[in-house]
């Protein structure tokens, strides 16, 4: 391979530079910015054209289209995890960046920043057909889709879920209490999605409210296990208003439950999940887990005790985008 005069090498390989030697703007982008911003600054710092950058990647056996590189640096597309990881690591090498400095900027936990907090799309968090189903239901409500979030005007301060199971190991209901703060004037509703366990009859799922809201429109996926619902407040919130509201999903139509997970597209300061079991059907094991996608291995996993009353509790602080929950194993 003919050395490129714009790339410093050691024994014919690109020399990685420590972060402290990088320009301040680039170092800051690698530390707390977005992927496209850091990539654009790194390419500019090395003085490489996209054609030249692609040629260096090709020589390393890593092939990516010049248009894809252009989309990435402009933020029009995001590298797909895990498929794009070899390309991103090769970019770090060619651009002489510290190892994993670009890798940590991709994926659902840091894929976007909105209102100063990381956020993720449904396609980031849900696999295959599920993301499309959710988007379809929400679009029928005029609500958020993969690229839009109508709950963005509400900051999640606290979420408390209590899930109740019956003697047949089935989920019977989920009680939810949310504490939110209005980011600006105007929010008057909250929209959420419910996914039942296998065998769920979504048409029989009931929704009730306790305080702070009432049930609005509901959209169900025919023959599936998913619904979307809006909970309406009794007023428009002013900027800075704290609003507490509660609702319950009642569903005992599924099979033995594998546990419960809540999907967070945006960061939640405090999430408490409690599972309440029937004393005649206690679980063999409960595990607190956090997943970056529903089809990914847990990045956090801790075994939980189940007390004499049949209750286990999992607490998540500053839950970033992903799925937080408790996996249940039965005897």
C-alpha atoms as a PDB file:
ATOM      1  CA  UNK A   1       0.000   0.000   0.000  1.00  0.00           C
ATOM      2  CA  UNK A   2       1.357   3.427  -0.960  1.00  0.00           C
ATOM      3  CA  UNK A   3       1.433   5.651   2.148  1.00  0.00           C
ATOM      4  CA  UNK A   4      -0.837   8.687   2.077  1.00  0.00           C
ATOM      5  CA  UNK A   5       1.134  11.802   3.076  1.00  0.00           C
ATOM      6  CA  UNK A   6      -1.909  13.020   5.020  1.00  0.00           C
ATOM      7  CA  UNK A   7      -1.900   9.917   7.242  1.00  0.00           C
ATOM      8  CA  UNK A   8       0.844   9.503   9.849  1.00  0.00           C
ATOM      9  CA  UNK A   9       1.966   5.882  10.054  1.00  0.00           C
ATOM     10  CA  UNK A  10       3.987   3.613  12.327  1.00  0.00           C
ATOM     11  CA  UNK A  11       5.342   0.473  10.648  1.00  0.00           C
ATOM     12  CA  UNK A  12       2.988   1.119   7.757  1.00  0.00           C
ATOM     13  CA  UNK A  13      -0.129   1.374   9.959  1.00  0.00           C
ATOM     14  CA  UNK A  14      -1.990   4.587  10.892  1.00  0.00           C
ATOM     15  CA  UNK A  15      -0.747   6.100  14.104  1.00  0.00           C
ATOM     16  CA  UNK A  16      -3.546   6.681  16.623  1.00  0.00           C
ATOM     17  CA  UNK A  17      -3.241  10.001  18.401  1.00  0.00           C
ATOM     18  CA  UNK A  18      -4.226  10.479  22.054  1.00  0.00           C
ATOM     19  CA  UNK A  19      -7.355  12.526  22.626  1.00  0.00           C
ATOM     20  CA  UNK A  20      -5.440  15.376  24.277  1.00  0.00           C
ATOM     21  CA  UNK A  21      -3.534  16.066  21.050  1.00  0.00           C
ATOM     22  CA  UNK A  22      -6.705  16.483  18.981  1.00  0.00           C
ATOM     23  CA  UNK A  23      -8.261  19.892  18.257  1.00  0.00           C
ATOM     24  CA  UNK A  24     -10.516  21.059  21.081  1.00  0.00           C
ATOM     25  CA  UNK A  25     -13.712  20.977  19.002  1.00  0.00           C
ATOM     26  CA  UNK A  26     -13.037  17.431  17.783  1.00  0.00           C
ATOM     27  CA  UNK A  27     -12.083  16.179  21.258  1.00  0.00           C
ATOM     28  CA  UNK A  28     -15.299  17.674  22.679  1.00  0.00           C
ATOM     29  CA  UNK A  29     -17.399  16.052  19.939  1.00  0.00           C
ATOM     30  CA  UNK A  30     -15.832  12.655  20.673  1.00  0.00           C
ATOM     31  CA  UNK A  31     -16.486  13.095  24.362  1.00  0.00           C
ATOM     32  CA  UNK A  32     -20.106  14.310  24.353  1.00  0.00           C
ATOM     33  CA  UNK A  33     -21.268  15.070  20.820  1.00  0.00           C
ATOM     34  CA  UNK A  34     -23.103  13.194  18.122  1.00  0.00           C
ATOM     35  CA  UNK A  35     -21.577  10.652  15.765  1.00  0.00           C
ATOM     36  CA  UNK A  36     -22.035  12.666  12.577  1.00  0.00           C
ATOM     37  CA  UNK A  37     -20.512  15.767  14.134  1.00  0.00           C
ATOM     38  CA  UNK A  38     -17.429  13.893  15.381  1.00  0.00           C
ATOM     39  CA  UNK A  39     -16.996  12.085  12.056  1.00  0.00           C
ATOM     40  CA  UNK A  40     -17.246  15.301  10.043  1.00  0.00           C
ATOM     41  CA  UNK A  41     -14.696  17.080  12.243  1.00  0.00           C
ATOM     42  CA  UNK A  42     -12.300  14.096  12.169  1.00  0.00           C
ATOM     43  CA  UNK A  43     -12.421  13.917   8.369  1.00  0.00           C
ATOM     44  CA  UNK A  44     -11.811  17.672   8.102  1.00  0.00           C
ATOM     45  CA  UNK A  45      -8.937  17.488  10.587  1.00  0.00           C
ATOM     46  CA  UNK A  46      -7.182  14.818   8.488  1.00  0.00           C
ATOM     47  CA  UNK A  47      -7.844  16.782   5.297  1.00  0.00           C
ATOM     48  CA  UNK A  48      -9.251  13.759   3.492  1.00  0.00           C
ATOM     49  CA  UNK A  49     -11.853  13.757   0.754  1.00  0.00           C
ATOM     50  CA  UNK A  50     -14.579  11.113   0.997  1.00  0.00           C
ATOM     51  CA  UNK A  51     -13.112   9.411  -2.065  1.00  0.00           C
ATOM     52  CA  UNK A  52      -9.690   9.213  -0.413  1.00  0.00           C
ATOM     53  CA  UNK A  53     -11.233   8.017   2.854  1.00  0.00           C
ATOM     54  CA  UNK A  54     -13.141   5.293   1.046  1.00  0.00           C
ATOM     55  CA  UNK A  55      -9.938   4.190  -0.730  1.00  0.00           C
ATOM     56  CA  UNK A  56      -8.162   3.759   2.613  1.00  0.00           C
ATOM     57  CA  UNK A  57     -11.059   1.677   3.899  1.00  0.00           C
ATOM     58  CA  UNK A  58     -11.039  -0.464   0.753  1.00  0.00           C
ATOM     59  CA  UNK A  59      -7.342  -1.219   1.260  1.00  0.00           C
ATOM     60  CA  UNK A  60      -8.204  -2.602   4.671  1.00  0.00           C
ATOM     61  CA  UNK A  61     -10.855  -4.877   3.189  1.00  0.00           C
ATOM     62  CA  UNK A  62     -13.669  -2.720   4.572  1.00  0.00           C
ATOM     63  CA  UNK A  63     -16.065  -1.652   1.847  1.00  0.00           C
ATOM     64  CA  UNK A  64     -18.600   1.143   2.216  1.00  0.00           C
ATOM     65  CA  UNK A  65     -20.196   3.426  -0.344  1.00  0.00           C
ATOM     66  CA  UNK A  66     -19.053   7.043  -0.659  1.00  0.00           C
ATOM     67  CA  UNK A  67     -22.714   8.101  -0.469  1.00  0.00           C
ATOM     68  CA  UNK A  68     -23.061   6.228   2.847  1.00  0.00           C
ATOM     69  CA  UNK A  69     -20.068   8.086   4.277  1.00  0.00           C
ATOM     70  CA  UNK A  70     -21.661  11.329   3.101  1.00  0.00           C
ATOM     71  CA  UNK A  71     -24.969  10.456   4.766  1.00  0.00           C
ATOM     72  CA  UNK A  72     -23.171   9.547   8.008  1.00  0.00           C
ATOM     73  CA  UNK A  73     -21.187  12.764   8.274  1.00  0.00           C
ATOM     74  CA  UNK A  74     -24.281  14.866   7.552  1.00  0.00           C
ATOM     75  CA  UNK A  75     -26.406  13.028  10.124  1.00  0.00           C
ATOM     76  CA  UNK A  76     -28.916  11.822   7.516  1.00  0.00           C
ATOM     77  CA  UNK A  77     -28.267   8.205   8.458  1.00  0.00           C
ATOM     78  CA  UNK A  78     -26.757   6.406  11.430  1.00  0.00           C
ATOM     79  CA  UNK A  79     -24.411   3.382  11.260  1.00  0.00           C
ATOM     80  CA  UNK A  80     -26.446   0.251  11.908  1.00  0.00           C
ATOM     81  CA  UNK A  81     -25.341  -1.714  14.970  1.00  0.00           C
ATOM     82  CA  UNK A  82     -23.811  -4.300  14.967  1.00  0.00           C
ATOM     83  CA  UNK A  83     -23.399  -4.615  11.196  1.00  0.00           C
ATOM     84  CA  UNK A  84     -21.498  -1.333  10.775  1.00  0.00           C
ATOM     85  CA  UNK A  85     -19.092  -1.788  13.707  1.00  0.00           C
ATOM     86  CA  UNK A  86     -16.152  -3.043  11.538  1.00  0.00           C
ATOM     87  CA  UNK A  87     -16.516   0.029   9.314  1.00  0.00           C
ATOM     88  CA  UNK A  88     -16.631   2.412  12.263  1.00  0.00           C
ATOM     89  CA  UNK A  89     -13.549   0.806  13.842  1.00  0.00           C
ATOM     90  CA  UNK A  90     -11.733   1.084  10.515  1.00  0.00           C
ATOM     91  CA  UNK A  91     -12.704   4.766  10.365  1.00  0.00           C
ATOM     92  CA  UNK A  92     -11.144   5.265  13.804  1.00  0.00           C
ATOM     93  CA  UNK A  93      -7.913   3.716  12.525  1.00  0.00           C
ATOM     94  CA  UNK A  94      -7.738   5.700   9.278  1.00  0.00           C
ATOM     95  CA  UNK A  95      -8.679   8.962  11.005  1.00  0.00           C
ATOM     96  CA  UNK A  96      -6.127   8.277  13.774  1.00  0.00           C
ATOM     97  CA  UNK A  97      -8.666   8.477  16.579  1.00  0.00           C
ATOM     98  CA  UNK A  98      -8.495   6.742  19.964  1.00  0.00           C
ATOM     99  CA  UNK A  99      -9.945   3.226  19.952  1.00  0.00           C
ATOM    100  CA  UNK A 100     -13.747   3.057  20.382  1.00  0.00           C
ATOM    101  CA  UNK A 101     -14.053   6.859  20.307  1.00  0.00           C
ATOM    102  CA  UNK A 102     -16.553   6.707  17.442  1.00  0.00           C
ATOM    103  CA  UNK A 103     -18.073   3.369  18.430  1.00  0.00           C
ATOM    104  CA  UNK A 104     -19.419   4.772  21.707  1.00  0.00           C
ATOM    105  CA  UNK A 105     -21.295   7.473  19.794  1.00  0.00           C
ATOM    106  CA  UNK A 106     -23.470   5.021  17.874  1.00  0.00           C
ATOM    107  CA  UNK A 107     -26.233   2.716  19.064  1.00  0.00           C
ATOM    108  CA  UNK A 108     -29.547   3.499  20.750  1.00  0.00           C
ATOM    109  CA  UNK A 109     -28.187   4.807  24.035  1.00  0.00           C
ATOM    110  CA  UNK A 110     -26.430   7.749  22.348  1.00  0.00           C
ATOM    111  CA  UNK A 111     -27.865   7.829  18.853  1.00  0.00           C
ATOM    112  CA  UNK A 112     -29.476  11.255  19.084  1.00  0.00           C
ATOM    113  CA  UNK A 113     -29.753  14.184  21.447  1.00  0.00           C
ATOM    114  CA  UNK A 114     -32.994  16.104  21.900  1.00  0.00           C
ATOM    115  CA  UNK A 115     -33.625  18.697  24.600  1.00  0.00           C
ATOM    116  CA  UNK A 116     -30.135  17.971  25.904  1.00  0.00           C
ATOM    117  CA  UNK A 117     -30.879  14.274  26.472  1.00  0.00           C
ATOM    118  CA  UNK A 118     -30.152  11.157  24.388  1.00  0.00           C
ATOM    119  CA  UNK A 119     -33.098   9.699  22.498  1.00  0.00           C
ATOM    120  CA  UNK A 120     -33.683   6.703  20.243  1.00  0.00           C
ATOM    121  CA  UNK A 121     -36.134   5.707  17.536  1.00  0.00           C
ATOM    122  CA  UNK A 122     -38.356   2.629  17.649  1.00  0.00           C
ATOM    123  CA  UNK A 123     -36.210   1.037  14.939  1.00  0.00           C
ATOM    124  CA  UNK A 124     -33.211   1.540  17.269  1.00  0.00           C
ATOM    125  CA  UNK A 125     -34.929  -0.354  20.076  1.00  0.00           C
ATOM    126  CA  UNK A 126     -37.363  -2.772  18.448  1.00  0.00           C
ATOM    127  CA  UNK A 127     -36.469  -5.538  16.033  1.00  0.00           C
ATOM    128  CA  UNK A 128     -38.074  -6.325  12.697  1.00  0.00           C
ATOM    129  CA  UNK A 129     -41.821  -6.016  12.246  1.00  0.00           C
ATOM    130  CA  UNK A 130     -42.520  -4.696  15.742  1.00  0.00           C
ATOM    131  CA  UNK A 131     -41.062  -1.255  15.018  1.00  0.00           C
ATOM    132  CA  UNK A 132     -43.270  -0.929  11.930  1.00  0.00           C
ATOM    133  CA  UNK A 133     -46.382  -1.992  13.858  1.00  0.00           C
ATOM    134  CA  UNK A 134     -45.719   0.560  16.591  1.00  0.00           C
ATOM    135  CA  UNK A 135     -45.063   3.316  14.067  1.00  0.00           C
ATOM    136  CA  UNK A 136     -48.307   2.489  12.257  1.00  0.00           C
ATOM    137  CA  UNK A 137     -50.407   2.614  15.434  1.00  0.00           C
ATOM    138  CA  UNK A 138     -48.862   5.856  16.596  1.00  0.00           C
ATOM    139  CA  UNK A 139     -49.191   7.526  13.227  1.00  0.00           C
ATOM    140  CA  UNK A 140     -52.929   6.787  13.402  1.00  0.00           C
ATOM    141  CA  UNK A 141     -52.990   8.865  16.585  1.00  0.00           C
ATOM    142  CA  UNK A 142     -50.983  11.626  14.922  1.00  0.00           C
ATOM    143  CA  UNK A 143     -48.317  10.741  17.438  1.00  0.00           C
ATOM    144  CA  UNK A 144     -44.618  10.082  17.426  1.00  0.00           C
ATOM    145  CA  UNK A 145     -43.082   7.723  14.909  1.00  0.00           C
ATOM    146  CA  UNK A 146     -39.469   6.603  14.466  1.00  0.00           C
ATOM    147  CA  UNK A 147     -38.358  10.174  13.754  1.00  0.00           C
ATOM    148  CA  UNK A 148     -40.836  12.233  15.786  1.00  0.00           C
ATOM    149  CA  UNK A 149     -41.773  12.241  19.460  1.00  0.00           C
ATOM    150  CA  UNK A 150     -44.962  13.985  20.572  1.00  0.00           C
ATOM    151  CA  UNK A 151     -44.017  13.339  24.218  1.00  0.00           C
ATOM    152  CA  UNK A 152     -40.882  15.450  23.760  1.00  0.00           C
ATOM    153  CA  UNK A 153     -42.456  18.369  25.650  1.00  0.00           C
ATOM    154  CA  UNK A 154     -42.659  16.236  28.812  1.00  0.00           C
ATOM    155  CA  UNK A 155     -39.560  15.421  30.862  1.00  0.00           C
ATOM    156  CA  UNK A 156     -39.776  12.046  32.606  1.00  0.00           C
ATOM    157  CA  UNK A 157     -38.812  12.603  36.238  1.00  0.00           C
ATOM    158  CA  UNK A 158     -40.118   9.329  37.634  1.00  0.00           C
ATOM    159  CA  UNK A 159     -41.954   6.213  36.467  1.00  0.00           C
ATOM    160  CA  UNK A 160     -43.274   3.538  38.836  1.00  0.00           C
ATOM    161  CA  UNK A 161     -44.724   0.328  37.375  1.00  0.00           C
ATOM    162  CA  UNK A 162     -46.382  -2.376  39.500  1.00  0.00           C
ATOM    163  CA  UNK A 163     -47.045  -5.599  37.595  1.00  0.00           C
ATOM    164  CA  UNK A 164     -49.372  -8.202  39.127  1.00  0.00           C
ATOM    165  CA  UNK A 165     -49.290 -11.928  38.274  1.00  0.00           C
ATOM    166  CA  UNK A 166     -51.910 -14.599  38.981  1.00  0.00           C
ATOM    167  CA  UNK A 167     -51.641 -18.212  40.190  1.00  0.00           C
ATOM    168  CA  UNK A 168     -51.273 -19.346  36.566  1.00  0.00           C
ATOM    169  CA  UNK A 169     -48.122 -17.211  36.203  1.00  0.00           C
ATOM    170  CA  UNK A 170     -49.892 -14.830  33.848  1.00  0.00           C
ATOM    171  CA  UNK A 171     -49.631 -11.065  33.941  1.00  0.00           C
ATOM    172  CA  UNK A 172     -52.982  -9.679  35.156  1.00  0.00           C
ATOM    173  CA  UNK A 173     -52.318  -5.955  35.075  1.00  0.00           C
ATOM    174  CA  UNK A 174     -49.833  -3.099  35.106  1.00  0.00           C
ATOM    175  CA  UNK A 175     -50.362  -0.019  37.279  1.00  0.00           C
ATOM    176  CA  UNK A 176     -48.264   2.982  36.233  1.00  0.00           C
ATOM    177  CA  UNK A 177     -47.586   6.299  37.975  1.00  0.00           C
ATOM    178  CA  UNK A 178     -45.610   8.980  36.132  1.00  0.00           C
ATOM    179  CA  UNK A 179     -44.153  12.243  37.368  1.00  0.00           C
ATOM    180  CA  UNK A 180     -43.433  14.626  34.499  1.00  0.00           C
ATOM    181  CA  UNK A 181     -42.354  18.223  34.014  1.00  0.00           C
ATOM    182  CA  UNK A 182     -43.412  20.372  31.050  1.00  0.00           C
ATOM    183  CA  UNK A 183     -40.430  21.547  29.029  1.00  0.00           C
ATOM    184  CA  UNK A 184     -42.507  24.325  27.463  1.00  0.00           C
ATOM    185  CA  UNK A 185     -46.095  25.588  27.425  1.00  0.00           C
ATOM    186  CA  UNK A 186     -48.734  23.391  25.836  1.00  0.00           C
ATOM    187  CA  UNK A 187     -48.522  19.616  26.503  1.00  0.00           C
ATOM    188  CA  UNK A 188     -51.939  18.182  27.356  1.00  0.00           C
ATOM    189  CA  UNK A 189     -51.554  14.429  26.784  1.00  0.00           C
ATOM    190  CA  UNK A 190     -49.217  11.475  27.023  1.00  0.00           C
ATOM    191  CA  UNK A 191     -49.065   8.659  24.471  1.00  0.00           C
ATOM    192  CA  UNK A 192     -47.781   5.186  25.264  1.00  0.00           C
ATOM    193  CA  UNK A 193     -47.609   1.661  23.842  1.00  0.00           C
ATOM    194  CA  UNK A 194     -48.522  -1.664  25.472  1.00  0.00           C
ATOM    195  CA  UNK A 195     -47.225  -5.053  24.302  1.00  0.00           C
ATOM    196  CA  UNK A 196     -48.925  -8.118  25.781  1.00  0.00           C
ATOM    197  CA  UNK A 197     -47.349 -11.491  26.409  1.00  0.00           C
ATOM    198  CA  UNK A 198     -47.566 -14.317  23.889  1.00  0.00           C
ATOM    199  CA  UNK A 199     -51.197 -15.339  23.340  1.00  0.00           C
ATOM    200  CA  UNK A 200     -52.510 -11.931  24.353  1.00  0.00           C
ATOM    201  CA  UNK A 201     -55.949 -10.984  22.961  1.00  0.00           C
ATOM    202  CA  UNK A 202     -55.340  -7.304  22.451  1.00  0.00           C
ATOM    203  CA  UNK A 203     -59.027  -6.606  21.767  1.00  0.00           C
ATOM    204  CA  UNK A 204     -59.847  -7.600  25.384  1.00  0.00           C
ATOM    205  CA  UNK A 205     -57.224  -5.414  27.060  1.00  0.00           C
ATOM    206  CA  UNK A 206     -58.818  -2.762  29.298  1.00  0.00           C
ATOM    207  CA  UNK A 207     -57.426   0.655  30.243  1.00  0.00           C
ATOM    208  CA  UNK A 208     -58.455   2.675  33.296  1.00  0.00           C
ATOM    209  CA  UNK A 209     -57.191   5.851  34.951  1.00  0.00           C
ATOM    210  CA  UNK A 210     -56.845   6.863  38.598  1.00  0.00           C
ATOM    211  CA  UNK A 211     -55.735  10.503  38.714  1.00  0.00           C
ATOM    212  CA  UNK A 212     -54.376  13.251  36.490  1.00  0.00           C
ATOM    213  CA  UNK A 213     -55.622  11.879  33.164  1.00  0.00           C
ATOM    214  CA  UNK A 214     -58.411  10.151  31.269  1.00  0.00           C
ATOM    215  CA  UNK A 215     -58.335   7.626  28.433  1.00  0.00           C
ATOM    216  CA  UNK A 216     -58.405   9.181  24.961  1.00  0.00           C
ATOM    217  CA  UNK A 217     -58.075   7.408  21.630  1.00  0.00           C
ATOM    218  CA  UNK A 218     -56.907   3.781  21.469  1.00  0.00           C
ATOM    219  CA  UNK A 219     -55.460   1.982  18.461  1.00  0.00           C
ATOM    220  CA  UNK A 220     -55.045  -1.810  18.537  1.00  0.00           C
ATOM    221  CA  UNK A 221     -53.127  -4.056  16.141  1.00  0.00           C
ATOM    222  CA  UNK A 222     -55.734  -6.536  14.837  1.00  0.00           C
ATOM    223  CA  UNK A 223     -54.842 -10.110  15.714  1.00  0.00           C
ATOM    224  CA  UNK A 224     -51.658  -8.937  17.445  1.00  0.00           C
ATOM    225  CA  UNK A 225     -50.487  -8.093  20.950  1.00  0.00           C
ATOM    226  CA  UNK A 226     -49.860  -4.346  20.664  1.00  0.00           C
ATOM    227  CA  UNK A 227     -51.894  -1.204  21.272  1.00  0.00           C
ATOM    228  CA  UNK A 228     -51.223   2.531  21.441  1.00  0.00           C
ATOM    229  CA  UNK A 229     -53.223   4.846  23.697  1.00  0.00           C
ATOM    230  CA  UNK A 230     -53.335   8.532  24.554  1.00  0.00           C
ATOM    231  CA  UNK A 231     -54.010   9.711  28.097  1.00  0.00           C
ATOM    232  CA  UNK A 232     -55.515  13.203  28.154  1.00  0.00           C
ATOM    233  CA  UNK A 233     -54.833  15.762  30.883  1.00  0.00           C
ATOM    234  CA  UNK A 234     -57.551  18.155  32.053  1.00  0.00           C
ATOM    235  CA  UNK A 235     -55.509  21.226  31.038  1.00  0.00           C
ATOM    236  CA  UNK A 236     -52.571  22.408  29.018  1.00  0.00           C
ATOM    237  CA  UNK A 237     -49.449  22.489  31.177  1.00  0.00           C
ATOM    238  CA  UNK A 238     -47.389  25.647  31.520  1.00  0.00           C
ATOM    239  CA  UNK A 239     -43.623  25.495  31.157  1.00  0.00           C
ATOM    240  CA  UNK A 240     -42.088  24.014  34.301  1.00  0.00           C
ATOM    241  CA  UNK A 241     -45.365  22.519  35.600  1.00  0.00           C
ATOM    242  CA  UNK A 242     -45.053  19.186  37.431  1.00  0.00           C
ATOM    243  CA  UNK A 243     -47.826  16.771  36.491  1.00  0.00           C
ATOM    244  CA  UNK A 244     -48.529  13.420  38.142  1.00  0.00           C
ATOM    245  CA  UNK A 245     -50.858  10.925  36.499  1.00  0.00           C
ATOM    246  CA  UNK A 246     -51.741   7.259  36.895  1.00  0.00           C
ATOM    247  CA  UNK A 247     -53.278   4.565  34.731  1.00  0.00           C
ATOM    248  CA  UNK A 248     -53.710   0.800  34.653  1.00  0.00           C
ATOM    249  CA  UNK A 249     -53.614  -1.786  31.867  1.00  0.00           C
ATOM    250  CA  UNK A 250     -55.650  -4.911  32.639  1.00  0.00           C
ATOM    251  CA  UNK A 251     -54.763  -8.010  30.648  1.00  0.00           C
ATOM    252  CA  UNK A 252     -54.902 -11.652  31.743  1.00  0.00           C
ATOM    253  CA  UNK A 253     -55.124 -13.187  28.273  1.00  0.00           C
ATOM    254  CA  UNK A 254     -51.483 -14.102  27.718  1.00  0.00           C
ATOM    255  CA  UNK A 255     -49.533 -17.222  28.587  1.00  0.00           C
ATOM    256  CA  UNK A 256     -47.032 -17.634  31.448  1.00  0.00           C
ATOM    257  CA  UNK A 257     -45.091 -14.378  31.501  1.00  0.00           C
ATOM    258  CA  UNK A 258     -41.326 -14.190  30.840  1.00  0.00           C
ATOM    259  CA  UNK A 259     -41.170 -10.905  32.780  1.00  0.00           C
ATOM    260  CA  UNK A 260     -41.789  -7.242  32.098  1.00  0.00           C
ATOM    261  CA  UNK A 261     -39.815  -4.516  30.297  1.00  0.00           C
ATOM    262  CA  UNK A 262     -40.505  -0.836  29.755  1.00  0.00           C
ATOM    263  CA  UNK A 263     -39.051   0.776  26.659  1.00  0.00           C
ATOM    264  CA  UNK A 264     -37.512   4.228  27.117  1.00  0.00           C
ATOM    265  CA  UNK A 265     -36.904   6.324  24.007  1.00  0.00           C
ATOM    266  CA  UNK A 266     -35.607   9.192  26.143  1.00  0.00           C
ATOM    267  CA  UNK A 267     -33.774   9.296  29.443  1.00  0.00           C
ATOM    268  CA  UNK A 268     -35.807   8.776  32.609  1.00  0.00           C
ATOM    269  CA  UNK A 269     -34.342  10.098  35.858  1.00  0.00           C
ATOM    270  CA  UNK A 270     -35.890   7.400  38.053  1.00  0.00           C
ATOM    271  CA  UNK A 271     -37.611   4.114  37.179  1.00  0.00           C
ATOM    272  CA  UNK A 272     -38.972   1.699  39.781  1.00  0.00           C
ATOM    273  CA  UNK A 273     -40.405  -1.620  38.602  1.00  0.00           C
ATOM    274  CA  UNK A 274     -42.124  -3.932  41.090  1.00  0.00           C
ATOM    275  CA  UNK A 275     -43.436  -7.400  40.274  1.00  0.00           C
ATOM    276  CA  UNK A 276     -46.098  -8.765  42.604  1.00  0.00           C
ATOM    277  CA  UNK A 277     -46.546 -12.548  42.415  1.00  0.00           C
ATOM    278  CA  UNK A 278     -49.299 -14.829  43.671  1.00  0.00           C
ATOM    279  CA  UNK A 279     -48.010 -16.745  46.690  1.00  0.00           C
ATOM    280  CA  UNK A 280     -49.115 -20.004  45.103  1.00  0.00           C
ATOM    281  CA  UNK A 281     -46.894 -19.349  42.081  1.00  0.00           C
ATOM    282  CA  UNK A 282     -43.625 -17.758  43.106  1.00  0.00           C
ATOM    283  CA  UNK A 283     -40.809 -17.468  40.532  1.00  0.00           C
ATOM    284  CA  UNK A 284     -37.640 -19.527  40.656  1.00  0.00           C
ATOM    285  CA  UNK A 285     -35.506 -16.539  39.666  1.00  0.00           C
ATOM    286  CA  UNK A 286     -35.860 -12.824  38.886  1.00  0.00           C
ATOM    287  CA  UNK A 287     -33.155 -10.833  37.097  1.00  0.00           C
ATOM    288  CA  UNK A 288     -32.937  -7.066  36.730  1.00  0.00           C
ATOM    289  CA  UNK A 289     -31.848  -6.292  33.168  1.00  0.00           C
ATOM    290  CA  UNK A 290     -31.185  -3.398  30.826  1.00  0.00           C
ATOM    291  CA  UNK A 291     -31.032  -3.985  27.060  1.00  0.00           C
ATOM    292  CA  UNK A 292     -30.136  -1.541  24.323  1.00  0.00           C
ATOM    293  CA  UNK A 293     -32.510  -3.427  21.973  1.00  0.00           C
ATOM    294  CA  UNK A 294     -35.208  -6.009  22.495  1.00  0.00           C
ATOM    295  CA  UNK A 295     -33.140  -8.600  20.588  1.00  0.00           C
ATOM    296  CA  UNK A 296     -29.788  -7.758  22.238  1.00  0.00           C
ATOM    297  CA  UNK A 297     -28.020  -9.379  25.184  1.00  0.00           C
ATOM    298  CA  UNK A 298     -28.385  -7.468  28.477  1.00  0.00           C
ATOM    299  CA  UNK A 299     -25.738  -4.835  29.178  1.00  0.00           C
ATOM    300  CA  UNK A 300     -26.777  -4.917  32.849  1.00  0.00           C
ATOM    301  CA  UNK A 301     -27.932  -8.061  34.653  1.00  0.00           C
ATOM    302  CA  UNK A 302     -28.388  -8.539  38.413  1.00  0.00           C
ATOM    303  CA  UNK A 303     -30.273 -11.264  40.270  1.00  0.00           C
ATOM    304  CA  UNK A 304     -33.053  -9.948  42.520  1.00  0.00           C
ATOM    305  CA  UNK A 305     -34.530 -11.319  45.750  1.00  0.00           C
ATOM    306  CA  UNK A 306     -38.247 -12.040  46.015  1.00  0.00           C
ATOM    307  CA  UNK A 307     -39.567 -11.230  49.504  1.00  0.00           C
ATOM    308  CA  UNK A 308     -41.961 -13.281  51.632  1.00  0.00           C
ATOM    309  CA  UNK A 309     -44.895 -11.292  50.272  1.00  0.00           C
ATOM    310  CA  UNK A 310     -44.056 -12.294  46.724  1.00  0.00           C
ATOM    311  CA  UNK A 311     -42.701  -8.914  45.608  1.00  0.00           C
ATOM    312  CA  UNK A 312     -39.457  -8.169  43.780  1.00  0.00           C
ATOM    313  CA  UNK A 313     -38.250  -4.658  42.961  1.00  0.00           C
ATOM    314  CA  UNK A 314     -35.816  -3.280  40.391  1.00  0.00           C
ATOM    315  CA  UNK A 315     -34.620   0.319  40.387  1.00  0.00           C
ATOM    316  CA  UNK A 316     -32.999   2.116  37.443  1.00  0.00           C
ATOM    317  CA  UNK A 317     -31.380   5.537  37.860  1.00  0.00           C
ATOM    318  CA  UNK A 318     -30.999   7.806  34.802  1.00  0.00           C
ATOM    319  CA  UNK A 319     -32.224   5.075  32.467  1.00  0.00           C
ATOM    320  CA  UNK A 320     -30.903   5.929  29.013  1.00  0.00           C
ATOM    321  CA  UNK A 321     -32.755   4.862  25.841  1.00  0.00           C
ATOM    322  CA  UNK A 322     -33.311   1.131  25.891  1.00  0.00           C
ATOM    323  CA  UNK A 323     -35.440  -1.496  27.643  1.00  0.00           C
ATOM    324  CA  UNK A 324     -35.385  -1.735  31.428  1.00  0.00           C
ATOM    325  CA  UNK A 325     -37.081  -4.610  33.170  1.00  0.00           C
ATOM    326  CA  UNK A 326     -37.090  -7.884  35.053  1.00  0.00           C
ATOM    327  CA  UNK A 327     -36.747 -11.330  33.461  1.00  0.00           C
ATOM    328  CA  UNK A 328     -38.685 -14.078  35.236  1.00  0.00           C
ATOM    329  CA  UNK A 329     -37.884 -17.789  35.339  1.00  0.00           C
ATOM    330  CA  UNK A 330     -40.469 -20.202  36.694  1.00  0.00           C
ATOM    331  CA  UNK A 331     -39.803 -23.476  38.481  1.00  0.00           C
END
